């Protein structure tokens, strides 16, 4: 009987997608969103514990964004070169290390260091998952089930929703250090299932560490750090930061177009306009979504005079809508249709924001949240599916990592825009100015979906 079951299991794995991989894929891919969302409720108690103002505790958020934006394509490239298993396990170990460091941190700067390690540790999950999906498709000779990509999207969106609530429960039970301690059991689970279920395979592109384009990575890192530091706090006095970012970018493109094994194959990217369009759409979608998340929430509390709990309840339908839309449409292979519908709803939501006033009815605020949830469910999934088909197979890991990098660019740009337009006392006028900014991004996203016939 046991041998029969084993034979049937082997047969399923030979004929179709090995669904045993779903658990390690989903478990590792949620490490980043859970640490991105759980910190929202930890900032105040951490500031109280260390006597740190909000301007200093904000680095706990920025540190993770910076490390992840840089680490995603770097770790993705390592996965392309050496396979997913070693990077998956290393990432899980770093996540556990960051959890321990956060539990014993004696000062705020140690916590910031822990968040940097978390950023790099949680980088492997998404590019490793995309790599495994691609290799399963090649092994079976069939397109991987659309539901697999949908499962990743739904899992990440669900975790982002419950993250703040989970953080509040952990703080209630064990204080703010418990929000770092949660990474220990998660890391152990990833290590165990990754060790057992992700097979040892020969390196896809074997070679010494010299194969890795370290100068290219250094230039890419310099470009991102200077650009992101400026976006976090844009001021005329910081003009040198975007100048340095542009200079590093120019040198990066010049160098990467001349080396045999570049970190960023700019020649390949330059010839893959559909993939560049997907990155741009993802950036614009994240700008609109995070402007709503940061800016609209801020206006609800300061302009509409809602409590933090009340603002959270207004936003809850947005997250639930995004999860439901992803779950319902996930098995559909349509990409362009999802992008068109999602982009239209983005435009509609920003137009609605332009009509709001300080005394607007609560139900209309809920409608705005629902309208924003639809494109968050459709566009995120569609862009992920588009990347899967557009990226070169030998660079699926680094291509998936770059998609996440563009997401974080959008998040940081949205945070900067929200801070610029919604200054203290700006009121409904500030929200309207932010809505115009969002409307421009939404219209550009819709235009890209309309003109991109490759979809």
Protein backbone atom coordinates (compact mmCIF):
# COMPACT_ATOMS: atom_id res chain seq x y z
CA UNK A 1 0.00 0.00 0.00
CA UNK A 2 2.78 2.42 0.96
CA UNK A 3 4.74 1.62 -2.20
CA UNK A 4 1.60 2.25 -4.27
CA UNK A 5 1.14 5.68 -2.66
CA UNK A 6 4.78 6.50 -3.29
CA UNK A 7 4.46 5.52 -6.94
CA UNK A 8 1.34 7.68 -7.36
CA UNK A 9 3.08 10.62 -5.69
CA UNK A 10 6.05 10.24 -8.03
CA UNK A 11 3.68 10.03 -10.98
CA UNK A 12 1.91 13.27 -9.97
CA UNK A 13 5.26 15.00 -9.66
CA UNK A 14 6.32 13.74 -13.08
CA UNK A 15 3.10 14.70 -14.82
CA UNK A 16 2.20 18.02 -13.18
CA UNK A 17 3.30 20.81 -10.89
CA UNK A 18 4.82 19.48 -7.66
CA UNK A 19 2.40 21.03 -5.20
CA UNK A 20 4.61 20.06 -2.26
CA UNK A 21 6.61 23.16 -3.20
CA UNK A 22 3.65 25.43 -2.42
CA UNK A 23 4.27 25.38 1.34
CA UNK A 24 7.94 26.50 1.24
CA UNK A 25 7.14 29.02 -1.50
CA UNK A 26 4.29 30.66 0.40
CA UNK A 27 5.97 30.48 3.81
CA UNK A 28 9.12 32.24 2.65
CA UNK A 29 7.32 34.81 0.49
CA UNK A 30 5.24 36.06 3.46
CA UNK A 31 8.31 36.85 5.60
CA UNK A 32 8.75 40.23 3.97
CA UNK A 33 5.12 41.47 4.08
CA UNK A 34 4.65 40.34 7.68
CA UNK A 35 7.71 42.30 8.81
CA UNK A 36 6.70 45.28 6.64
CA UNK A 37 3.22 45.50 8.19
CA UNK A 38 3.84 44.37 11.76
CA UNK A 39 6.20 47.28 12.44
CA UNK A 40 3.33 49.77 12.03
CA UNK A 41 2.05 49.09 15.55
CA UNK A 42 5.53 48.70 17.07
CA UNK A 43 6.98 52.14 16.35
CA UNK A 44 5.35 53.96 19.28
CA UNK A 45 6.26 51.44 22.03
CA UNK A 46 9.80 51.16 20.62
CA UNK A 47 10.13 54.96 20.69
CA UNK A 48 8.95 55.02 24.30
CA UNK A 49 11.35 52.23 25.29
CA UNK A 50 14.40 54.00 23.86
CA UNK A 51 13.27 57.62 24.28
CA UNK A 52 13.47 58.08 20.51
CA UNK A 53 11.33 60.55 18.50
CA UNK A 54 9.31 59.51 15.45
CA UNK A 55 12.02 60.84 13.12
CA UNK A 56 14.41 58.22 14.51
CA UNK A 57 12.04 55.26 14.77
CA UNK A 58 11.08 55.90 11.12
CA UNK A 59 14.43 54.37 10.22
CA UNK A 60 13.04 51.01 11.31
CA UNK A 61 10.73 51.25 8.30
CA UNK A 62 13.25 52.81 5.92
CA UNK A 63 15.98 50.29 6.79
CA UNK A 64 13.82 47.37 5.66
CA UNK A 65 12.78 49.18 2.47
CA UNK A 66 16.38 50.04 1.58
CA UNK A 67 17.73 46.55 2.27
CA UNK A 68 14.89 44.87 0.40
CA UNK A 69 15.00 47.20 -2.61
CA UNK A 70 18.72 46.48 -2.99
CA UNK A 71 18.64 42.84 -1.94
CA UNK A 72 15.77 41.52 -4.07
CA UNK A 73 17.52 41.69 -7.48
CA UNK A 74 20.91 40.79 -5.96
CA UNK A 75 19.58 37.67 -4.26
CA UNK A 76 17.50 36.97 -7.37
CA UNK A 77 20.68 36.99 -9.47
CA UNK A 78 22.36 34.62 -7.00
CA UNK A 79 19.38 32.29 -7.35
CA UNK A 80 19.77 32.43 -11.15
CA UNK A 81 23.43 31.45 -10.78
CA UNK A 82 23.34 28.89 -7.97
CA UNK A 83 19.74 27.71 -7.68
CA UNK A 84 17.07 28.47 -5.06
CA UNK A 85 17.92 26.04 -2.25
CA UNK A 86 21.10 27.61 -0.80
CA UNK A 87 19.69 31.14 -1.01
CA UNK A 88 16.33 30.04 0.44
CA UNK A 89 18.03 28.43 3.45
CA UNK A 90 20.47 31.31 3.93
CA UNK A 91 17.61 33.81 3.87
CA UNK A 92 15.70 31.82 6.49
CA UNK A 93 18.79 31.71 8.72
CA UNK A 94 19.31 35.47 8.42
CA UNK A 95 15.65 36.03 9.30
CA UNK A 96 16.10 33.98 12.48
CA UNK A 97 19.30 35.86 13.33
CA UNK A 98 17.48 39.19 12.93
CA UNK A 99 14.75 37.94 15.26
CA UNK A 100 17.29 37.09 17.96
CA UNK A 101 19.06 40.43 17.53
CA UNK A 102 15.77 42.30 17.88
CA UNK A 103 14.91 40.40 21.05
CA UNK A 104 18.12 41.43 22.82
CA UNK A 105 18.81 44.83 21.18
CA UNK A 106 20.08 47.28 23.83
CA UNK A 107 19.77 50.38 21.61
CA UNK A 108 17.74 51.67 18.70
CA UNK A 109 20.62 51.41 16.23
CA UNK A 110 20.84 47.67 16.94
CA UNK A 111 17.16 47.37 16.08
CA UNK A 112 17.80 49.23 12.82
CA UNK A 113 20.61 46.76 12.09
CA UNK A 114 18.21 43.90 12.81
CA UNK A 115 15.74 45.37 10.31
CA UNK A 116 18.50 45.60 7.67
CA UNK A 117 19.33 41.92 8.23
CA UNK A 118 15.61 41.16 8.03
CA UNK A 119 15.46 42.99 4.71
CA UNK A 120 18.22 40.86 3.22
CA UNK A 121 16.97 37.67 4.89
CA UNK A 122 13.45 38.00 3.51
CA UNK A 123 14.69 38.79 -0.01
CA UNK A 124 14.98 35.18 -1.14
CA UNK A 125 11.34 34.12 -0.82
CA UNK A 126 9.73 35.78 -3.83
CA UNK A 127 12.50 35.31 -6.47
CA UNK A 128 13.01 31.70 -5.28
CA UNK A 129 9.28 31.05 -5.69
CA UNK A 130 9.22 32.47 -9.21
CA UNK A 131 12.31 30.42 -10.07
CA UNK A 132 10.66 27.22 -8.79
CA UNK A 133 7.48 27.93 -10.76
CA UNK A 134 9.54 28.42 -13.92
CA UNK A 135 11.62 25.27 -13.44
CA UNK A 136 8.50 23.20 -12.72
CA UNK A 137 7.00 24.46 -15.97
CA UNK A 138 10.15 23.43 -17.85
CA UNK A 139 10.23 20.02 -16.12
CA UNK A 140 6.62 19.18 -16.95
CA UNK A 141 6.55 20.84 -20.36
CA UNK A 142 3.36 22.62 -19.31
CA UNK A 143 2.48 26.10 -18.14
CA UNK A 144 2.37 26.11 -14.36
CA UNK A 145 -1.16 26.42 -12.96
CA UNK A 146 -2.35 30.02 -12.79
CA UNK A 147 -3.63 29.23 -9.31
CA UNK A 148 -0.04 28.89 -8.07
CA UNK A 149 0.75 32.54 -8.86
CA UNK A 150 -2.61 33.53 -7.41
CA UNK A 151 -1.83 31.64 -4.19
CA UNK A 152 1.36 33.67 -3.76
CA UNK A 153 -0.50 36.95 -4.31
CA UNK A 154 -3.37 36.07 -1.95
CA UNK A 155 -1.00 34.85 0.77
CA UNK A 156 1.03 38.07 0.65
CA UNK A 157 -2.07 40.28 0.65
CA UNK A 158 -3.62 38.34 3.53
CA UNK A 159 -0.50 38.67 5.65
CA UNK A 160 -0.33 42.40 4.93
CA UNK A 161 -3.91 42.68 6.25
CA UNK A 162 -3.47 40.69 9.45
CA UNK A 163 0.08 41.95 10.15
CA UNK A 164 -0.91 45.01 12.24
CA UNK A 165 -3.50 43.00 14.18
CA UNK A 166 -0.99 40.22 14.80
CA UNK A 167 1.52 42.84 15.93
CA UNK A 168 -0.96 44.31 18.40
CA UNK A 169 -1.64 40.86 19.86
CA UNK A 170 2.07 40.08 20.16
CA UNK A 171 2.77 43.40 21.89
CA UNK A 172 -0.13 42.74 24.29
CA UNK A 173 1.26 39.30 25.14
CA UNK A 174 5.01 39.91 25.19
CA UNK A 175 5.83 43.55 24.48
CA UNK A 176 7.31 45.02 21.28
CA UNK A 177 10.23 42.57 21.30
CA UNK A 178 7.71 39.82 20.52
CA UNK A 179 7.26 41.36 17.06
CA UNK A 180 10.90 40.45 16.39
CA UNK A 181 10.67 37.09 18.19
CA UNK A 182 7.94 35.91 15.79
CA UNK A 183 10.67 35.56 13.16
CA UNK A 184 12.27 32.68 15.08
CA UNK A 185 9.51 30.09 14.59
CA UNK A 186 8.91 31.35 11.05
CA UNK A 187 12.62 30.93 10.23
CA UNK A 188 12.71 27.43 11.75
CA UNK A 189 9.67 26.38 9.70
CA UNK A 190 11.29 27.73 6.52
CA UNK A 191 14.55 25.94 7.27
CA UNK A 192 12.83 22.62 7.90
CA UNK A 193 10.47 22.61 4.93
CA UNK A 194 13.08 24.17 2.64
CA UNK A 195 15.60 21.48 3.58
CA UNK A 196 13.07 18.69 3.03
CA UNK A 197 11.09 19.89 0.00
CA UNK A 198 13.43 21.97 -2.15
CA UNK A 199 15.64 19.47 -3.92
CA UNK A 200 19.40 19.79 -4.26
CA UNK A 201 20.12 20.59 -7.88
CA UNK A 202 23.30 21.44 -9.80
CA UNK A 203 23.91 25.18 -10.08
CA UNK A 204 22.16 26.45 -13.24
CA UNK A 205 25.13 28.64 -14.07
CA UNK A 206 28.04 27.14 -12.07
CA UNK A 207 31.20 29.05 -11.39
CA UNK A 208 33.24 30.82 -8.75
CA UNK A 209 32.09 33.97 -6.99
CA UNK A 210 33.87 35.82 -9.79
CA UNK A 211 30.88 35.04 -12.01
CA UNK A 212 28.92 37.47 -9.85
CA UNK A 213 29.29 41.02 -11.11
CA UNK A 214 30.37 42.69 -7.85
CA UNK A 215 31.20 46.12 -9.37
CA UNK A 216 27.80 46.15 -11.06
CA UNK A 217 26.09 45.33 -7.75
CA UNK A 218 28.09 48.10 -6.03
CA UNK A 219 27.01 50.68 -8.62
CA UNK A 220 23.40 49.47 -8.45
CA UNK A 221 23.50 49.74 -4.65
CA UNK A 222 24.95 53.27 -4.78
CA UNK A 223 22.31 54.35 -7.27
CA UNK A 224 19.44 52.97 -5.17
CA UNK A 225 20.69 54.24 -1.81
CA UNK A 226 21.19 57.82 -3.02
CA UNK A 227 17.87 57.86 -4.88
CA UNK A 228 15.90 56.34 -2.01
CA UNK A 229 17.49 58.61 0.61
CA UNK A 230 16.37 61.62 -1.43
CA UNK A 231 12.86 60.21 -1.90
CA UNK A 232 12.55 59.61 1.83
CA UNK A 233 13.22 63.28 2.58
CA UNK A 234 13.22 65.38 -0.61
CA UNK A 235 14.73 68.81 0.01
CA UNK A 236 16.53 71.33 -2.21
CA UNK A 237 19.51 71.12 0.14
CA UNK A 238 19.86 67.44 -0.74
CA UNK A 239 20.28 68.10 -4.48
CA UNK A 240 23.49 66.13 -4.53
CA UNK A 241 21.69 62.85 -3.79
CA UNK A 242 19.73 62.60 -7.09
CA UNK A 243 22.85 63.88 -8.89
CA UNK A 244 24.87 61.03 -7.41
CA UNK A 245 22.08 58.57 -8.26
CA UNK A 246 22.07 59.67 -11.91
CA UNK A 247 25.86 59.50 -12.08
CA UNK A 248 25.90 55.99 -10.60
CA UNK A 249 23.14 54.95 -13.01
CA UNK A 250 25.03 56.25 -16.06
CA UNK A 251 28.21 54.44 -15.04
CA UNK A 252 26.17 51.30 -14.28
CA UNK A 253 24.59 51.25 -17.75
CA UNK A 254 27.94 51.96 -19.42
CA UNK A 255 29.69 49.17 -17.55
CA UNK A 256 26.93 46.56 -17.71
CA UNK A 257 26.68 46.92 -21.48
CA UNK A 258 30.34 45.93 -21.80
CA UNK A 259 30.87 42.99 -19.45
CA UNK A 260 30.25 39.36 -20.38
CA UNK A 261 28.21 38.38 -17.27
CA UNK A 262 26.49 41.59 -16.11
CA UNK A 263 24.44 41.85 -12.93
CA UNK A 264 21.85 43.87 -14.89
CA UNK A 265 21.80 42.83 -18.51
CA UNK A 266 20.90 46.28 -19.86
CA UNK A 267 21.15 45.03 -23.45
CA UNK A 268 18.58 42.36 -22.71
CA UNK A 269 16.36 44.75 -20.75
CA UNK A 270 16.62 47.38 -23.46
CA UNK A 271 15.39 44.85 -26.00
CA UNK A 272 12.60 43.59 -23.75
CA UNK A 273 10.20 46.54 -23.84
CA UNK A 274 7.23 44.50 -22.55
CA UNK A 275 9.17 43.67 -19.36
CA UNK A 276 10.15 47.32 -18.90
CA UNK A 277 6.49 48.25 -19.34
CA UNK A 278 5.55 45.74 -16.62
CA UNK A 279 8.09 47.27 -14.23
CA UNK A 280 6.71 50.74 -14.97
CA UNK A 281 3.09 49.65 -14.48
CA UNK A 282 4.04 48.03 -11.19
CA UNK A 283 5.76 51.25 -10.08
CA UNK A 284 2.70 53.35 -10.98
CA UNK A 285 0.29 50.91 -9.33
CA UNK A 286 2.32 51.01 -6.11
CA UNK A 287 2.52 54.80 -6.18
CA UNK A 288 -1.28 55.04 -6.35
CA UNK A 289 -1.87 52.26 -3.82
CA UNK A 290 0.62 53.48 -1.24
CA UNK A 291 -0.45 57.12 -1.66
CA UNK A 292 -3.91 55.93 -0.69
CA UNK A 293 -2.56 53.84 2.18
CA UNK A 294 -0.32 56.57 3.60
CA UNK A 295 -1.98 59.81 2.49
CA UNK A 296 -5.66 58.90 2.70
CA UNK A 297 -5.09 57.33 6.14
CA UNK A 298 -3.32 60.45 7.34
CA UNK A 299 -6.19 62.63 6.12
CA UNK A 300 -8.74 60.37 7.82
CA UNK A 301 -7.03 60.95 11.16
CA UNK A 302 -6.06 64.61 10.79
CA UNK A 303 -8.69 65.98 8.39
CA UNK A 304 -11.69 63.76 9.12
CA UNK A 305 -10.78 63.47 12.83
CA UNK A 306 -11.09 59.71 13.00
CA UNK A 307 -9.19 57.66 15.54
CA UNK A 308 -6.46 55.29 14.40
CA UNK A 309 -8.82 52.38 15.01
CA UNK A 310 -11.56 54.11 13.02
CA UNK A 311 -9.21 54.77 10.11
CA UNK A 312 -8.16 51.14 10.20
CA UNK A 313 -11.77 50.00 9.95
CA UNK A 314 -12.28 52.27 6.92
CA UNK A 315 -9.28 50.64 5.22
CA UNK A 316 -10.24 47.08 6.08
CA UNK A 317 -12.65 46.72 3.09
CA UNK A 318 -9.78 47.73 0.78
CA UNK A 319 -7.65 44.80 1.92
CA UNK A 320 -10.54 42.34 1.93
CA UNK A 321 -11.53 43.45 -1.58
CA UNK A 322 -7.96 42.97 -2.86
CA UNK A 323 -7.82 39.46 -1.40
CA UNK A 324 -11.23 38.53 -2.80
CA UNK A 325 -10.44 39.88 -6.28
CA UNK A 326 -7.12 37.98 -6.40
CA UNK A 327 -8.75 34.77 -5.22
CA UNK A 328 -11.66 35.01 -7.68
CA UNK A 329 -9.64 36.01 -10.76
CA UNK A 330 -6.43 34.18 -9.90
CA UNK A 331 -7.05 31.14 -12.10
CA UNK A 332 -7.78 33.25 -15.14
CA UNK A 333 -4.79 33.58 -17.46
CA UNK A 334 -5.97 36.95 -18.76
CA UNK A 335 -3.40 39.68 -18.17
CA UNK A 336 -4.38 42.65 -20.31
CA UNK A 337 -8.04 42.48 -19.28
CA UNK A 338 -7.10 42.55 -15.59
CA UNK A 339 -4.81 45.52 -16.13
CA UNK A 340 -7.42 47.46 -18.08
CA UNK A 341 -10.15 46.90 -15.49
CA UNK A 342 -7.80 47.53 -12.57
CA UNK A 343 -6.42 50.71 -14.09
CA UNK A 344 -9.93 52.06 -14.80
CA UNK A 345 -10.85 51.52 -11.15
CA UNK A 346 -7.65 53.32 -10.11
CA UNK A 347 -8.70 56.34 -12.15
CA UNK A 348 -12.25 56.18 -10.73
CA UNK A 349 -10.94 56.05 -7.16
CA UNK A 350 -8.70 59.10 -7.61
CA UNK A 351 -11.54 61.05 -9.22
CA UNK A 352 -13.71 60.18 -6.20
CA UNK A 353 -11.02 61.52 -3.87
CA UNK A 354 -11.19 64.85 -5.71
CA UNK A 355 -14.89 65.14 -4.78
CA UNK A 356 -14.45 64.50 -1.05
CA UNK A 357 -14.81 67.20 1.62
CA UNK A 358 -14.21 67.27 5.36
CA UNK A 359 -17.84 66.42 6.19
CA UNK A 360 -18.27 63.59 3.69
CA UNK A 361 -20.36 60.59 4.76
CA UNK A 362 -18.46 57.58 6.10
CA UNK A 363 -20.01 55.21 3.56
CA UNK A 364 -18.40 57.19 0.74
CA UNK A 365 -15.00 56.75 2.39
CA UNK A 366 -15.62 53.01 2.46
CA UNK A 367 -16.52 53.13 -1.25
CA UNK A 368 -13.16 54.80 -1.97
CA UNK A 369 -11.39 52.04 -0.04
CA UNK A 370 -13.23 49.32 -1.98
CA UNK A 371 -12.46 51.02 -5.30
CA UNK A 372 -8.77 51.03 -4.37
CA UNK A 373 -8.87 47.37 -3.37
CA UNK A 374 -9.95 46.24 -6.85
CA UNK A 375 -6.82 47.44 -8.71
CA UNK A 376 -4.61 46.27 -5.85
CA UNK A 377 -5.96 42.76 -6.43
CA UNK A 378 -6.03 42.86 -10.25
CA UNK A 379 -2.93 44.86 -11.17
CA UNK A 380 -0.60 43.17 -8.68
CA UNK A 381 -1.53 39.71 -9.92
CA UNK A 382 -1.52 40.72 -13.60
CA UNK A 383 1.93 42.33 -13.40
CA UNK A 384 3.28 39.25 -11.61
CA UNK A 385 1.84 36.98 -14.31
CA UNK A 386 3.18 39.24 -17.07
CA UNK A 387 6.70 39.13 -15.61
CA UNK A 388 6.57 35.33 -15.45
CA UNK A 389 5.99 35.15 -19.21
CA UNK A 390 8.18 38.11 -20.25
CA UNK A 391 11.38 37.47 -18.26
CA UNK A 392 14.19 35.41 -19.75
CA UNK A 393 14.15 31.95 -18.08
CA UNK A 394 17.82 32.16 -17.06
CA UNK A 395 17.16 35.47 -15.28
CA UNK A 396 13.74 34.82 -13.74
CA UNK A 397 15.10 35.25 -10.19
CA UNK A 398 16.74 38.64 -10.73
CA UNK A 399 13.81 39.80 -12.90
CA UNK A 400 11.34 38.92 -10.12
CA UNK A 401 13.57 40.70 -7.62
CA UNK A 402 13.55 43.84 -9.76
CA UNK A 403 9.75 43.78 -9.81
CA UNK A 404 9.80 44.03 -6.01
CA UNK A 405 12.42 46.78 -6.18
CA UNK A 406 10.07 48.85 -8.32
CA UNK A 407 7.33 48.18 -5.75
CA UNK A 408 9.47 49.66 -3.00
CA UNK A 409 10.37 52.64 -5.17
CA UNK A 410 6.65 53.23 -5.52
CA UNK A 411 6.09 52.89 -1.77
CA UNK A 412 8.87 55.31 -0.87
CA UNK A 413 7.83 57.78 -3.59
CA UNK A 414 4.25 57.63 -2.30
CA UNK A 415 5.41 58.27 1.27
CA UNK A 416 7.38 61.30 0.07
CA UNK A 417 4.41 62.63 -1.93
CA UNK A 418 2.06 62.15 1.02
CA UNK A 419 4.42 64.06 3.27
CA UNK A 420 4.79 66.88 0.74
CA UNK A 421 1.10 67.38 -0.03
CA UNK A 422 -0.36 66.61 3.40
CA UNK A 423 1.59 69.01 5.57
CA UNK A 424 0.08 69.86 8.99
CA UNK A 425 -3.04 71.95 8.50
CA UNK A 426 -3.31 71.27 4.75
CA UNK A 427 -6.79 69.75 5.25
CA UNK A 428 -8.93 68.67 2.33
CA UNK A 429 -6.89 70.83 -0.05
CA UNK A 430 -3.83 68.69 0.66
CA UNK A 431 -5.79 65.51 -0.06
CA UNK A 432 -7.01 66.97 -3.36
CA UNK A 433 -3.47 67.88 -4.39
CA UNK A 434 -2.35 64.35 -3.56
CA UNK A 435 -5.31 62.98 -5.55
CA UNK A 436 -4.19 64.95 -8.64
CA UNK A 437 -0.74 63.40 -8.29
CA UNK A 438 -2.36 59.95 -7.97
CA UNK A 439 -4.63 60.64 -10.97
CA UNK A 440 -1.62 61.35 -13.20
CA UNK A 441 0.01 58.06 -12.15
CA UNK A 442 -3.29 56.16 -12.61
CA UNK A 443 -3.83 57.58 -16.10
CA UNK A 444 -0.27 56.66 -17.12
CA UNK A 445 -0.84 53.11 -15.84
CA UNK A 446 -4.06 52.87 -17.87
CA UNK A 447 -2.31 54.24 -20.95
CA UNK A 448 0.43 51.59 -20.66
CA UNK A 449 -2.18 48.84 -20.42
CA UNK A 450 -4.00 50.17 -23.49
CA UNK A 451 -0.96 50.55 -25.78
CA UNK A 452 0.92 47.40 -24.73
CA UNK A 453 -0.24 44.91 -27.35
CA UNK A 454 2.31 42.32 -26.21
CA UNK A 455 -0.02 41.44 -23.33
